[in-house]
C-alpha atoms as a PDB file:
ATOM      1  CA  MET A   1     -63.239   2.095 -84.416  1.00  0.00           C
ATOM      2  CA  PHE A   2     -65.698   1.321 -87.270  1.00  0.00           C
ATOM      3  CA  GLU A   3     -69.175   0.405 -86.776  1.00  0.00           C
ATOM      4  CA  GLU A   4     -70.517  -3.055 -85.947  1.00  0.00           C
ATOM      5  CA  ALA A   5     -70.750  -5.197 -89.125  1.00  0.00           C
ATOM      6  CA  ALA A   6     -73.762  -7.179 -89.920  1.00  0.00           C
ATOM      7  CA  ASN A   7     -72.837 -10.069 -88.111  1.00  0.00           C
ATOM      8  CA  GLU A   8     -72.812  -7.842 -84.752  1.00  0.00           C
ATOM      9  CA  GLU A   9     -68.779  -8.102 -83.834  1.00  0.00           C
ATOM     10  CA  THR A  10     -66.634  -5.178 -83.462  1.00  0.00           C
ATOM     11  CA  VAL A  11     -64.254  -5.252 -86.535  1.00  0.00           C
ATOM     12  CA  GLU A  12     -61.107  -3.255 -85.646  1.00  0.00           C
ATOM     13  CA  THR A  13     -59.528  -3.437 -89.157  1.00  0.00           C
ATOM     14  CA  GLY A  14     -60.967  -1.505 -92.870  1.00  0.00           C
ATOM     15  CA  TRP A  15     -60.318  -5.160 -94.645  1.00  0.00           C
ATOM     16  CA  GLY A  16     -62.277  -6.607 -91.697  1.00  0.00           C
ATOM     17  CA  ASN A  17     -64.994  -4.370 -92.034  1.00  0.00           C
ATOM     18  CA  VAL A  18     -65.254  -4.987 -95.667  1.00  0.00           C
ATOM     19  CA  ALA A  19     -65.161  -8.917 -95.169  1.00  0.00           C
ATOM     20  CA  SER A  20     -67.753  -8.866 -92.700  1.00  0.00           C
ATOM     21  CA  TYR A  21     -70.180  -8.169 -95.285  1.00  0.00           C
ATOM     22  CA  ASP A  22     -70.423 -11.152 -97.532  1.00  0.00           C
ATOM     23  CA  GLY A  23     -71.304  -9.777-101.095  1.00  0.00           C
ATOM     24  CA  ALA A  24     -69.028  -6.475-100.068  1.00  0.00           C
ATOM     25  CA  PRO A  25     -65.699  -7.727-101.782  1.00  0.00           C
ATOM     26  CA  ALA A  26     -67.630  -8.476-104.919  1.00  0.00           C
ATOM     27  CA  VAL A  27     -69.284  -5.549-104.961  1.00  0.00           C
ATOM     28  CA  ILE A  28     -65.872  -3.678-104.411  1.00  0.00           C
ATOM     29  CA  ASP A  29     -64.389  -5.464-107.373  1.00  0.00           C
ATOM     30  CA  THR A  30     -67.518  -4.210-109.667  1.00  0.00           C
ATOM     31  CA  LEU A  31     -67.180  -0.792-108.286  1.00  0.00           C
ATOM     32  CA  LEU A  32     -63.662  -0.489-109.861  1.00  0.00           C
ATOM     33  CA  ARG A  33     -64.834  -1.294-113.243  1.00  0.00           C
ATOM     34  CA  LEU A  34     -68.229   0.265-113.477  1.00  0.00           C
ATOM     35  CA  ASP A  35     -68.908   3.765-115.299  1.00  0.00           C
ATOM     36  CA  ALA A  36     -68.344   6.219-112.722  1.00  0.00           C
ATOM     37  CA  GLU A  37     -70.790   8.703-114.773  1.00  0.00           C
ATOM     38  CA  THR A  38     -73.839   6.106-114.635  1.00  0.00           C
ATOM     39  CA  THR A  39     -76.377   5.549-111.647  1.00  0.00           C
ATOM     40  CA  TYR A  40     -77.390   1.792-110.686  1.00  0.00           C
ATOM     41  CA  THR A  41     -80.267  -0.005-109.180  1.00  0.00           C
ATOM     42  CA  LYS A  42     -79.628  -2.248-106.396  1.00  0.00           C
ATOM     43  CA  THR A  43     -80.420  -5.232-108.950  1.00  0.00           C
ATOM     44  CA  GLU A  44     -78.057  -3.757-111.135  1.00  0.00           C
ATOM     45  CA  LEU A  45     -75.460  -3.849-109.112  1.00  0.00           C
ATOM     46  CA  SER A  46     -76.458  -6.893-107.815  1.00  0.00           C
ATOM     47  CA  ASP A  47     -76.131  -8.501-111.666  1.00  0.00           C
ATOM     48  CA  GLU A  48     -73.097  -6.942-112.020  1.00  0.00           C
ATOM     49  CA  ALA A  49     -71.550  -8.260-108.899  1.00  0.00           C
ATOM     50  CA  GLY A  50     -72.842 -11.869-109.053  1.00  0.00           C
ATOM     51  CA  VAL A  51     -74.306 -11.396-105.860  1.00  0.00           C
ATOM     52  CA  PRO A  52     -77.896 -12.557-104.791  1.00  0.00           C
ATOM     53  CA  LEU A  53     -80.037  -9.462-104.325  1.00  0.00           C
ATOM     54  CA  LYS A  54     -81.301 -10.638-101.140  1.00  0.00           C
ATOM     55  CA  THR A  55     -77.675 -11.193-100.111  1.00  0.00           C
ATOM     56  CA  LEU A  56     -77.293  -7.043-100.340  1.00  0.00           C
ATOM     57  CA  TYR A  57     -80.062  -6.387 -98.758  1.00  0.00           C
ATOM     58  CA  LEU A  58     -80.404  -8.745 -95.949  1.00  0.00           C
ATOM     59  CA  ASP A  59     -77.306  -7.504 -94.427  1.00  0.00           C
ATOM     60  CA  GLY A  60     -77.480  -3.958 -95.766  1.00  0.00           C
ATOM     61  CA  THR A  61     -74.131  -4.432 -98.054  1.00  0.00           C
ATOM     62  CA  LEU A  62     -74.965  -1.451 -99.948  1.00  0.00           C
ATOM     63  CA  GLU A  63     -76.099   1.212 -97.486  1.00  0.00           C
ATOM     64  CA  HIS A  64     -72.442   0.145 -95.508  1.00  0.00           C
ATOM     65  CA  LEU A  65     -70.703   1.386 -98.766  1.00  0.00           C
ATOM     66  CA  VAL A  66     -72.795   4.525 -98.597  1.00  0.00           C
ATOM     67  CA  GLU A  67     -71.718   4.942 -95.524  1.00  0.00           C
ATOM     68  CA  ILE A  68     -67.765   4.321 -96.026  1.00  0.00           C
ATOM     69  CA  GLY A  69     -67.546   5.887 -99.141  1.00  0.00           C
ATOM     70  CA  PHE A  70     -67.654   3.562-102.362  1.00  0.00           C
ATOM     71  CA  LEU A  71     -71.217   4.451-103.282  1.00  0.00           C
ATOM     72  CA  GLU A  72     -72.925   7.787-103.343  1.00  0.00           C
ATOM     73  CA  LYS A  73     -77.076   7.405-102.952  1.00  0.00           C
ATOM     74  CA  HIS A  74     -78.708   9.171-105.382  1.00  0.00           C
ATOM     75  CA  GLU A  75     -82.447  10.211-105.942  1.00  0.00           C
ATOM     76  CA  VAL A  76     -85.180   7.706-105.452  1.00  0.00           C
ATOM     77  CA  GLU A  77     -87.056   7.082-108.786  1.00  0.00           C
ATOM     78  CA  GLY A  78     -90.257   5.476-107.809  1.00  0.00           C
ATOM     79  CA  ASP A  79     -89.446   2.972-104.647  1.00  0.00           C
ATOM     80  CA  GLU A  80     -86.056   2.050-105.762  1.00  0.00           C
ATOM     81  CA  ALA A  81     -82.625   4.272-104.779  1.00  0.00           C
ATOM     82  CA  LEU A  82     -79.966   4.890-107.663  1.00  0.00           C
ATOM     83  CA  PHE A  83     -76.665   4.336-106.518  1.00  0.00           C
ATOM     84  CA  GLY A  84     -73.091   6.003-108.143  1.00  0.00           C
ATOM     85  CA  VAL A  85     -69.794   5.198-107.761  1.00  0.00           C
ATOM     86  CA  ALA A  86     -67.654   7.506-105.274  1.00  0.00           C
ATOM     87  CA  THR A  87     -64.356   7.923-107.347  1.00  0.00           C
ATOM     88  CA  GLU A  88     -63.607  11.463-105.210  1.00  0.00           C
ATOM     89  CA  THR A  89     -63.660   9.521-102.056  1.00  0.00           C
ATOM     90  CA  ASP A  90     -60.065   8.348 -99.970  1.00  0.00           C
ATOM     91  CA  VAL A  91     -61.768   4.809 -99.711  1.00  0.00           C
ATOM     92  CA  PHE A  92     -62.472   4.472-103.549  1.00  0.00           C
ATOM     93  CA  ARG A  93     -59.110   5.663-104.316  1.00  0.00           C
ATOM     94  CA  ALA A  94     -57.472   3.084-102.084  1.00  0.00           C
ATOM     95  CA  ALA A  95     -59.101   0.411-103.427  1.00  0.00           C
ATOM     96  CA  ALA A  96     -58.366   1.573-106.979  1.00  0.00           C
ATOM     97  CA  ALA A  97     -54.441   1.684-105.926  1.00  0.00           C
ATOM     98  CA  PHE A  98     -54.476  -1.529-104.079  1.00  0.00           C
ATOM     99  CA  ASP A  99     -56.082  -3.399-107.125  1.00  0.00           C
ATOM    100  CA  GLU A 100     -53.734  -1.782-109.100  1.00  0.00           C
ATOM    101  CA  ALA A 101     -50.977  -2.939-107.395  1.00  0.00           C
ATOM    102  CA  VAL A 102     -51.919  -6.533-107.293  1.00  0.00           C
ATOM    103  CA  SER A 103     -52.528  -6.245-111.016  1.00  0.00           C
ATOM    104  CA  ALA A 104     -49.022  -5.092-111.199  1.00  0.00           C
ATOM    105  CA  ARG A 105     -47.523  -7.336-109.054  1.00  0.00           C
ATOM    106  CA  LEU A 106     -49.086 -10.350-110.896  1.00  0.00           C
ATOM    107  CA  ALA A 107     -48.490  -9.040-114.014  1.00  0.00           C
ATOM    108  CA  GLU A 108     -44.759  -9.540-112.999  1.00  0.00           C
ATOM    109  CA  GLU A 109     -45.131 -12.724-112.091  1.00  0.00           C
ATOM    110  CA  GLU A 110     -46.199 -13.863-115.435  1.00  0.00           C
END
């Protein structure tokens, strides 16, 4: 069973778990396209994903994405943590495979 999400309801599916964090889908979409060799601040991830930093901070989206395997938290530079894309996790690989499958399906329909 997944941990309780930001809205404090028990979530029973992976999709539901991600969707319970308002900014998570946009951040995950962004992570699939970012350079895996680069680290990013919360502000940079917020800007890249188009999700207000306040949203990511208040509901703990980035910390949750670390817990489930989309992000890796790196050394702290001053007061701001750095994050890297966790490309070697099963969760990230599954998201990338889903992204590729949907993109291929959409290309077939054109």
